[in-house]
């Protein structure tokens, strides 16, 4: 399962653990993703998406259909 947000495209970042002796060890910063089902009344269907909490807050603010339409206008997703 890829850890990539379906809407925003957020994915893991690379960084370092830094010890007291300043030894750097590789680590990953994972995005906060949740699998969530949304009902889109305009399409009259359920949509299951893996979204970041950032995208979820935007959906709460604008609504799922409006957010999907904005992303479709940018060319990032397709609504059927």
C-alpha atoms as a PDB file:
ATOM      1  CA  UNK A   1       0.000   0.000   0.000  1.00  0.00           C
ATOM      2  CA  UNK A   2       1.590   3.246  -1.146  1.00  0.00           C
ATOM      3  CA  UNK A   3       1.601   5.986   1.464  1.00  0.00           C
ATOM      4  CA  UNK A   4       0.423   8.728  -0.889  1.00  0.00           C
ATOM      5  CA  UNK A   5      -2.637  10.935  -0.430  1.00  0.00           C
ATOM      6  CA  UNK A   6      -5.130  10.420  -3.272  1.00  0.00           C
ATOM      7  CA  UNK A   7      -6.080  14.100  -3.357  1.00  0.00           C
ATOM      8  CA  UNK A   8      -3.075  16.204  -2.363  1.00  0.00           C
ATOM      9  CA  UNK A   9      -0.297  13.839  -3.457  1.00  0.00           C
ATOM     10  CA  UNK A  10       1.504  14.097  -0.116  1.00  0.00           C
ATOM     11  CA  UNK A  11       4.068  11.325   0.309  1.00  0.00           C
ATOM     12  CA  UNK A  12       6.837  10.361   2.765  1.00  0.00           C
ATOM     13  CA  UNK A  13       9.788  12.710   3.185  1.00  0.00           C
ATOM     14  CA  UNK A  14      13.355  11.652   3.885  1.00  0.00           C
ATOM     15  CA  UNK A  15      15.381  12.920   6.818  1.00  0.00           C
ATOM     16  CA  UNK A  16      17.783  11.900   9.549  1.00  0.00           C
ATOM     17  CA  UNK A  17      17.721  10.797  13.134  1.00  0.00           C
ATOM     18  CA  UNK A  18      20.466  12.841  14.807  1.00  0.00           C
ATOM     19  CA  UNK A  19      22.034  11.343  17.905  1.00  0.00           C
ATOM     20  CA  UNK A  20      23.775  13.182  20.731  1.00  0.00           C
ATOM     21  CA  UNK A  21      27.117  12.402  19.036  1.00  0.00           C
ATOM     22  CA  UNK A  22      25.732  13.953  15.816  1.00  0.00           C
ATOM     23  CA  UNK A  23      25.588  10.605  13.964  1.00  0.00           C
ATOM     24  CA  UNK A  24      22.935  10.809  11.273  1.00  0.00           C
ATOM     25  CA  UNK A  25      20.780   7.765  10.488  1.00  0.00           C
ATOM     26  CA  UNK A  26      18.171   7.724   7.741  1.00  0.00           C
ATOM     27  CA  UNK A  27      14.485   7.916   8.641  1.00  0.00           C
ATOM     28  CA  UNK A  28      11.151   8.629   6.933  1.00  0.00           C
ATOM     29  CA  UNK A  29       8.564  11.241   7.850  1.00  0.00           C
ATOM     30  CA  UNK A  30       5.239   9.601   6.985  1.00  0.00           C
ATOM     31  CA  UNK A  31       2.147  11.668   6.131  1.00  0.00           C
ATOM     32  CA  UNK A  32      -0.891  11.346   8.392  1.00  0.00           C
ATOM     33  CA  UNK A  33      -3.153   9.270   6.111  1.00  0.00           C
ATOM     34  CA  UNK A  34      -6.562   7.771   6.784  1.00  0.00           C
ATOM     35  CA  UNK A  35      -8.758   5.590   4.567  1.00  0.00           C
ATOM     36  CA  UNK A  36     -12.159   7.274   4.537  1.00  0.00           C
ATOM     37  CA  UNK A  37     -15.443   6.684   2.708  1.00  0.00           C
ATOM     38  CA  UNK A  38     -17.321   9.762   1.501  1.00  0.00           C
ATOM     39  CA  UNK A  39     -20.835   9.965   0.121  1.00  0.00           C
ATOM     40  CA  UNK A  40     -21.079  12.361  -2.828  1.00  0.00           C
ATOM     41  CA  UNK A  41     -24.769  13.307  -3.194  1.00  0.00           C
ATOM     42  CA  UNK A  42     -24.206  15.003  -6.580  1.00  0.00           C
ATOM     43  CA  UNK A  43     -22.899  11.719  -8.007  1.00  0.00           C
ATOM     44  CA  UNK A  44     -25.162   9.602  -5.761  1.00  0.00           C
ATOM     45  CA  UNK A  45     -22.347   7.216  -4.854  1.00  0.00           C
ATOM     46  CA  UNK A  46     -19.831   6.365  -2.135  1.00  0.00           C
ATOM     47  CA  UNK A  47     -16.152   7.091  -2.770  1.00  0.00           C
ATOM     48  CA  UNK A  48     -13.352   5.475  -0.757  1.00  0.00           C
ATOM     49  CA  UNK A  49     -10.190   7.590  -0.613  1.00  0.00           C
ATOM     50  CA  UNK A  50      -6.875   7.518   1.219  1.00  0.00           C
ATOM     51  CA  UNK A  51      -6.579  11.135   2.354  1.00  0.00           C
ATOM     52  CA  UNK A  52      -4.223  13.149   4.520  1.00  0.00           C
ATOM     53  CA  UNK A  53      -5.629  15.046   7.465  1.00  0.00           C
ATOM     54  CA  UNK A  54      -4.809  18.264   5.575  1.00  0.00           C
ATOM     55  CA  UNK A  55      -7.124  17.157   2.744  1.00  0.00           C
ATOM     56  CA  UNK A  56      -9.768  16.023   5.249  1.00  0.00           C
ATOM     57  CA  UNK A  57      -9.847  19.483   6.839  1.00  0.00           C
ATOM     58  CA  UNK A  58     -10.222  21.048   3.388  1.00  0.00           C
ATOM     59  CA  UNK A  59     -13.090  18.639   2.613  1.00  0.00           C
ATOM     60  CA  UNK A  60     -14.777  19.625   5.890  1.00  0.00           C
ATOM     61  CA  UNK A  61     -14.431  23.284   4.935  1.00  0.00           C
ATOM     62  CA  UNK A  62     -15.466  23.184   1.249  1.00  0.00           C
ATOM     63  CA  UNK A  63     -17.295  19.878   0.825  1.00  0.00           C
ATOM     64  CA  UNK A  64     -16.142  16.789  -1.049  1.00  0.00           C
ATOM     65  CA  UNK A  65     -17.761  17.586  -4.399  1.00  0.00           C
ATOM     66  CA  UNK A  66     -16.474  21.182  -4.532  1.00  0.00           C
ATOM     67  CA  UNK A  67     -12.956  20.045  -3.588  1.00  0.00           C
ATOM     68  CA  UNK A  68     -12.993  17.314  -6.245  1.00  0.00           C
ATOM     69  CA  UNK A  69     -14.186  19.836  -8.854  1.00  0.00           C
ATOM     70  CA  UNK A  70     -11.314  22.196  -7.951  1.00  0.00           C
ATOM     71  CA  UNK A  71      -8.799  19.369  -8.304  1.00  0.00           C
ATOM     72  CA  UNK A  72     -10.378  18.345 -11.615  1.00  0.00           C
ATOM     73  CA  UNK A  73     -10.002  21.909 -12.933  1.00  0.00           C
ATOM     74  CA  UNK A  74      -6.308  21.772 -11.996  1.00  0.00           C
ATOM     75  CA  UNK A  75      -6.059  18.433 -13.829  1.00  0.00           C
ATOM     76  CA  UNK A  76      -5.092  16.387 -10.766  1.00  0.00           C
ATOM     77  CA  UNK A  77      -8.120  14.027 -10.537  1.00  0.00           C
ATOM     78  CA  UNK A  78     -10.940  12.889 -12.810  1.00  0.00           C
ATOM     79  CA  UNK A  79     -14.605  12.827 -11.803  1.00  0.00           C
ATOM     80  CA  UNK A  80     -16.739  10.327 -13.706  1.00  0.00           C
END
